[in-house]
């Protein structure tokens, strides 16, 4: 299923693979650059109820990333991964691990398809090691968190485009 509007679409592709798609009203170069900018990650990564801390973000093949979502009570939820492939502005392949569940690592492949008219189809496919790992991710509330995350990203993209047209 391809997202034809600006809503996040989620689909289980198999027992171990899950896909998110969303159309963004932004050129793919801008979307790609925004998603790999460590200064912007805290503004869009994760639900609004958390602040996001970027511990490291070395955007290169073999580079590591590590972020935390911090709750208002100070509780932190850490995530990490490694970049496996970066092909600007078309594709990013990276691993994803929720640190409290160490060893349960997915491989996430993000693609950025230019739809013309300044729109981009973003697709993220996550390949899990087992059905149980995918089931666990889906039962964690990931779906609502992903929707809010990509809504926040869309807001930043709109802001960046509004700013660039004023110049």
C-alpha atoms as a PDB file:
ATOM      1  CA  UNK A   1       0.000   0.000   0.000  1.00  0.00           C
ATOM      2  CA  UNK A   2       1.357   3.415  -0.963  1.00  0.00           C
ATOM      3  CA  UNK A   3       0.462   6.439   1.106  1.00  0.00           C
ATOM      4  CA  UNK A   4      -1.527   8.759  -1.129  1.00  0.00           C
ATOM      5  CA  UNK A   5      -2.105  11.418   1.488  1.00  0.00           C
ATOM      6  CA  UNK A   6      -0.185  12.889   4.380  1.00  0.00           C
ATOM      7  CA  UNK A   7      -1.267  10.279   6.914  1.00  0.00           C
ATOM      8  CA  UNK A   8       1.135   7.639   8.116  1.00  0.00           C
ATOM      9  CA  UNK A   9       0.262   4.210   6.742  1.00  0.00           C
ATOM     10  CA  UNK A  10       1.404   1.101   8.588  1.00  0.00           C
ATOM     11  CA  UNK A  11       1.405  -2.409   7.224  1.00  0.00           C
ATOM     12  CA  UNK A  12       2.714  -5.738   8.406  1.00  0.00           C
ATOM     13  CA  UNK A  13       4.385  -7.346   5.392  1.00  0.00           C
ATOM     14  CA  UNK A  14       5.253 -10.700   6.989  1.00  0.00           C
ATOM     15  CA  UNK A  15       5.884 -12.273  10.384  1.00  0.00           C
ATOM     16  CA  UNK A  16       9.179 -10.355  10.586  1.00  0.00           C
ATOM     17  CA  UNK A  17       8.722  -7.250   8.407  1.00  0.00           C
ATOM     18  CA  UNK A  18       6.763  -4.048   8.926  1.00  0.00           C
ATOM     19  CA  UNK A  19       6.412  -0.977   6.708  1.00  0.00           C
ATOM     20  CA  UNK A  20       5.601   2.673   7.357  1.00  0.00           C
ATOM     21  CA  UNK A  21       4.808   5.043   4.485  1.00  0.00           C
ATOM     22  CA  UNK A  22       3.943   8.717   4.401  1.00  0.00           C
ATOM     23  CA  UNK A  23       3.864  11.441   1.782  1.00  0.00           C
ATOM     24  CA  UNK A  24       5.587  14.637   2.877  1.00  0.00           C
ATOM     25  CA  UNK A  25       4.968  18.014   1.262  1.00  0.00           C
ATOM     26  CA  UNK A  26       8.679  18.618   0.842  1.00  0.00           C
ATOM     27  CA  UNK A  27      11.366  17.895  -1.740  1.00  0.00           C
ATOM     28  CA  UNK A  28      13.223  14.670  -0.996  1.00  0.00           C
ATOM     29  CA  UNK A  29      16.569  16.474  -0.555  1.00  0.00           C
ATOM     30  CA  UNK A  30      15.057  18.598   2.220  1.00  0.00           C
ATOM     31  CA  UNK A  31      13.404  15.588   3.875  1.00  0.00           C
ATOM     32  CA  UNK A  32      16.627  13.584   3.701  1.00  0.00           C
ATOM     33  CA  UNK A  33      18.770  16.425   5.118  1.00  0.00           C
ATOM     34  CA  UNK A  34      16.275  17.140   7.894  1.00  0.00           C
ATOM     35  CA  UNK A  35      16.235  13.494   8.982  1.00  0.00           C
ATOM     36  CA  UNK A  36      20.034  13.322   9.289  1.00  0.00           C
ATOM     37  CA  UNK A  37      20.546  16.687  11.038  1.00  0.00           C
ATOM     38  CA  UNK A  38      21.468  16.042  14.703  1.00  0.00           C
ATOM     39  CA  UNK A  39      20.372  19.579  15.617  1.00  0.00           C
ATOM     40  CA  UNK A  40      16.841  18.873  14.368  1.00  0.00           C
ATOM     41  CA  UNK A  41      16.381  15.361  15.800  1.00  0.00           C
ATOM     42  CA  UNK A  42      15.301  16.713  19.239  1.00  0.00           C
ATOM     43  CA  UNK A  43      12.539  18.706  17.555  1.00  0.00           C
ATOM     44  CA  UNK A  44      10.810  15.774  15.862  1.00  0.00           C
ATOM     45  CA  UNK A  45      12.060  12.339  16.978  1.00  0.00           C
ATOM     46  CA  UNK A  46       9.586  10.740  19.372  1.00  0.00           C
ATOM     47  CA  UNK A  47       6.272  11.760  20.890  1.00  0.00           C
ATOM     48  CA  UNK A  48       5.752  15.339  22.097  1.00  0.00           C
ATOM     49  CA  UNK A  49       5.460  14.239  25.727  1.00  0.00           C
ATOM     50  CA  UNK A  50       9.193  13.432  25.702  1.00  0.00           C
ATOM     51  CA  UNK A  51      12.219  15.554  25.106  1.00  0.00           C
ATOM     52  CA  UNK A  52      14.812  13.910  22.882  1.00  0.00           C
ATOM     53  CA  UNK A  53      18.533  13.919  23.576  1.00  0.00           C
ATOM     54  CA  UNK A  54      21.059  13.098  20.852  1.00  0.00           C
ATOM     55  CA  UNK A  55      24.036  11.404  22.513  1.00  0.00           C
ATOM     56  CA  UNK A  56      25.755  10.620  19.216  1.00  0.00           C
ATOM     57  CA  UNK A  57      24.939  10.761  15.532  1.00  0.00           C
ATOM     58  CA  UNK A  58      27.787   9.932  13.167  1.00  0.00           C
ATOM     59  CA  UNK A  59      25.997   9.828   9.803  1.00  0.00           C
ATOM     60  CA  UNK A  60      28.335   7.679   7.720  1.00  0.00           C
ATOM     61  CA  UNK A  61      28.523   3.991   6.894  1.00  0.00           C
ATOM     62  CA  UNK A  62      29.678   2.302  10.108  1.00  0.00           C
ATOM     63  CA  UNK A  63      28.797   5.398  12.153  1.00  0.00           C
ATOM     64  CA  UNK A  64      26.729   5.025  15.302  1.00  0.00           C
ATOM     65  CA  UNK A  65      23.694   6.886  16.566  1.00  0.00           C
ATOM     66  CA  UNK A  66      22.193   6.986  20.061  1.00  0.00           C
ATOM     67  CA  UNK A  67      19.176   8.977  21.278  1.00  0.00           C
ATOM     68  CA  UNK A  68      17.066   9.103  24.414  1.00  0.00           C
ATOM     69  CA  UNK A  69      13.463  10.043  24.974  1.00  0.00           C
ATOM     70  CA  UNK A  70      13.239  11.742  28.361  1.00  0.00           C
ATOM     71  CA  UNK A  71       9.962  11.919  30.290  1.00  0.00           C
ATOM     72  CA  UNK A  72       9.021  14.896  32.466  1.00  0.00           C
ATOM     73  CA  UNK A  73       9.784  12.787  35.578  1.00  0.00           C
ATOM     74  CA  UNK A  74      13.357  12.252  34.317  1.00  0.00           C
ATOM     75  CA  UNK A  75      12.876   8.650  33.166  1.00  0.00           C
ATOM     76  CA  UNK A  76      14.884   7.946  29.998  1.00  0.00           C
ATOM     77  CA  UNK A  77      14.370   5.473  27.168  1.00  0.00           C
ATOM     78  CA  UNK A  78      17.547   4.921  25.118  1.00  0.00           C
ATOM     79  CA  UNK A  79      17.776   3.766  21.495  1.00  0.00           C
ATOM     80  CA  UNK A  80      20.810   3.126  19.316  1.00  0.00           C
ATOM     81  CA  UNK A  81      21.966   1.811  15.996  1.00  0.00           C
ATOM     82  CA  UNK A  82      24.570   1.810  13.273  1.00  0.00           C
ATOM     83  CA  UNK A  83      24.383   3.211   9.760  1.00  0.00           C
ATOM     84  CA  UNK A  84      24.905   0.477   7.175  1.00  0.00           C
ATOM     85  CA  UNK A  85      24.178   2.355   3.964  1.00  0.00           C
ATOM     86  CA  UNK A  86      23.681   6.018   3.112  1.00  0.00           C
ATOM     87  CA  UNK A  87      22.801   7.060  -0.434  1.00  0.00           C
ATOM     88  CA  UNK A  88      21.764  10.735  -0.410  1.00  0.00           C
ATOM     89  CA  UNK A  89      18.971  11.642  -0.980  1.00  0.00           C
ATOM     90  CA  UNK A  90      17.528   8.214  -1.776  1.00  0.00           C
ATOM     91  CA  UNK A  91      18.163   5.679   0.980  1.00  0.00           C
ATOM     92  CA  UNK A  92      19.358   5.063   4.535  1.00  0.00           C
ATOM     93  CA  UNK A  93      19.842   1.596   6.018  1.00  0.00           C
ATOM     94  CA  UNK A  94      20.492   1.412   9.746  1.00  0.00           C
ATOM     95  CA  UNK A  95      20.012  -0.855  12.704  1.00  0.00           C
ATOM     96  CA  UNK A  96      17.623  -0.014  15.539  1.00  0.00           C
ATOM     97  CA  UNK A  97      17.781  -1.261  19.117  1.00  0.00           C
ATOM     98  CA  UNK A  98      15.752  -0.289  22.187  1.00  0.00           C
ATOM     99  CA  UNK A  99      18.442  -0.560  24.853  1.00  0.00           C
ATOM    100  CA  UNK A 100      16.288  -2.079  27.645  1.00  0.00           C
ATOM    101  CA  UNK A 101      15.630  -4.934  25.192  1.00  0.00           C
ATOM    102  CA  UNK A 102      19.269  -5.360  24.171  1.00  0.00           C
ATOM    103  CA  UNK A 103      19.946  -7.838  21.392  1.00  0.00           C
ATOM    104  CA  UNK A 104      16.560  -7.404  19.726  1.00  0.00           C
ATOM    105  CA  UNK A 105      17.824  -5.455  16.719  1.00  0.00           C
ATOM    106  CA  UNK A 106      15.879  -4.577  13.592  1.00  0.00           C
ATOM    107  CA  UNK A 107      17.315  -3.424  10.279  1.00  0.00           C
ATOM    108  CA  UNK A 108      15.465  -0.358   9.007  1.00  0.00           C
ATOM    109  CA  UNK A 109      15.586   0.682   5.361  1.00  0.00           C
ATOM    110  CA  UNK A 110      14.297   4.180   4.611  1.00  0.00           C
ATOM    111  CA  UNK A 111      13.713   5.247   1.027  1.00  0.00           C
ATOM    112  CA  UNK A 112      12.827   8.687  -0.293  1.00  0.00           C
ATOM    113  CA  UNK A 113      10.900   8.765  -3.591  1.00  0.00           C
ATOM    114  CA  UNK A 114      10.474  12.064  -5.427  1.00  0.00           C
ATOM    115  CA  UNK A 115       6.797  12.308  -6.411  1.00  0.00           C
ATOM    116  CA  UNK A 116       7.202  15.630  -8.192  1.00  0.00           C
ATOM    117  CA  UNK A 117       5.512  18.889  -7.241  1.00  0.00           C
ATOM    118  CA  UNK A 118       7.731  19.104  -4.153  1.00  0.00           C
ATOM    119  CA  UNK A 119       6.333  15.942  -2.543  1.00  0.00           C
ATOM    120  CA  UNK A 120       8.227  12.888  -1.313  1.00  0.00           C
ATOM    121  CA  UNK A 121       7.061   9.374  -0.518  1.00  0.00           C
ATOM    122  CA  UNK A 122       8.943   8.219   2.577  1.00  0.00           C
ATOM    123  CA  UNK A 123       8.999   4.468   3.135  1.00  0.00           C
ATOM    124  CA  UNK A 124      10.569   2.711   6.094  1.00  0.00           C
ATOM    125  CA  UNK A 125      10.763  -1.077   6.177  1.00  0.00           C
ATOM    126  CA  UNK A 126      11.846  -2.750   9.388  1.00  0.00           C
ATOM    127  CA  UNK A 127      13.136  -6.315   9.316  1.00  0.00           C
ATOM    128  CA  UNK A 128      13.082  -8.039  12.704  1.00  0.00           C
ATOM    129  CA  UNK A 129      14.968 -11.134  13.859  1.00  0.00           C
ATOM    130  CA  UNK A 130      11.775 -12.937  14.862  1.00  0.00           C
ATOM    131  CA  UNK A 131       7.988 -12.733  14.871  1.00  0.00           C
ATOM    132  CA  UNK A 132       8.153 -12.183  18.628  1.00  0.00           C
ATOM    133  CA  UNK A 133      10.410  -9.138  18.175  1.00  0.00           C
ATOM    134  CA  UNK A 134       8.000  -7.574  15.682  1.00  0.00           C
ATOM    135  CA  UNK A 135       4.991  -8.409  17.875  1.00  0.00           C
ATOM    136  CA  UNK A 136       6.770  -6.824  20.827  1.00  0.00           C
ATOM    137  CA  UNK A 137       7.476  -3.642  18.890  1.00  0.00           C
ATOM    138  CA  UNK A 138       3.874  -3.373  17.726  1.00  0.00           C
ATOM    139  CA  UNK A 139       2.518  -3.930  21.242  1.00  0.00           C
ATOM    140  CA  UNK A 140       4.824  -1.245  22.687  1.00  0.00           C
ATOM    141  CA  UNK A 141       2.774   1.681  21.419  1.00  0.00           C
ATOM    142  CA  UNK A 142       5.169   2.236  18.536  1.00  0.00           C
ATOM    143  CA  UNK A 143       2.345   2.986  16.103  1.00  0.00           C
ATOM    144  CA  UNK A 144       1.037   6.066  17.933  1.00  0.00           C
ATOM    145  CA  UNK A 145       4.596   7.224  18.625  1.00  0.00           C
ATOM    146  CA  UNK A 146       5.538   6.884  14.946  1.00  0.00           C
ATOM    147  CA  UNK A 147       2.477   8.837  13.825  1.00  0.00           C
ATOM    148  CA  UNK A 148       3.270  11.677  16.188  1.00  0.00           C
ATOM    149  CA  UNK A 149       6.957  11.607  15.242  1.00  0.00           C
ATOM    150  CA  UNK A 150       6.248  11.992  11.534  1.00  0.00           C
ATOM    151  CA  UNK A 151       3.602  14.665  12.177  1.00  0.00           C
ATOM    152  CA  UNK A 152       6.284  16.626  14.037  1.00  0.00           C
ATOM    153  CA  UNK A 153       8.722  16.099  11.168  1.00  0.00           C
ATOM    154  CA  UNK A 154       6.125  17.453   8.713  1.00  0.00           C
ATOM    155  CA  UNK A 155       5.784  20.577  10.873  1.00  0.00           C
ATOM    156  CA  UNK A 156       9.546  21.219  10.730  1.00  0.00           C
ATOM    157  CA  UNK A 157       9.590  20.693   6.961  1.00  0.00           C
ATOM    158  CA  UNK A 158       6.751  23.212   6.524  1.00  0.00           C
ATOM    159  CA  UNK A 159       8.580  25.676   8.772  1.00  0.00           C
ATOM    160  CA  UNK A 160      11.845  25.263   6.848  1.00  0.00           C
ATOM    161  CA  UNK A 161      10.095  25.773   3.516  1.00  0.00           C
ATOM    162  CA  UNK A 162       8.205  28.840   4.749  1.00  0.00           C
ATOM    163  CA  UNK A 163      11.474  30.322   5.980  1.00  0.00           C
ATOM    164  CA  UNK A 164      13.273  29.638   2.695  1.00  0.00           C
ATOM    165  CA  UNK A 165      10.522  31.269   0.605  1.00  0.00           C
ATOM    166  CA  UNK A 166      10.709  34.462   2.690  1.00  0.00           C
ATOM    167  CA  UNK A 167      14.339  34.982   1.697  1.00  0.00           C
END
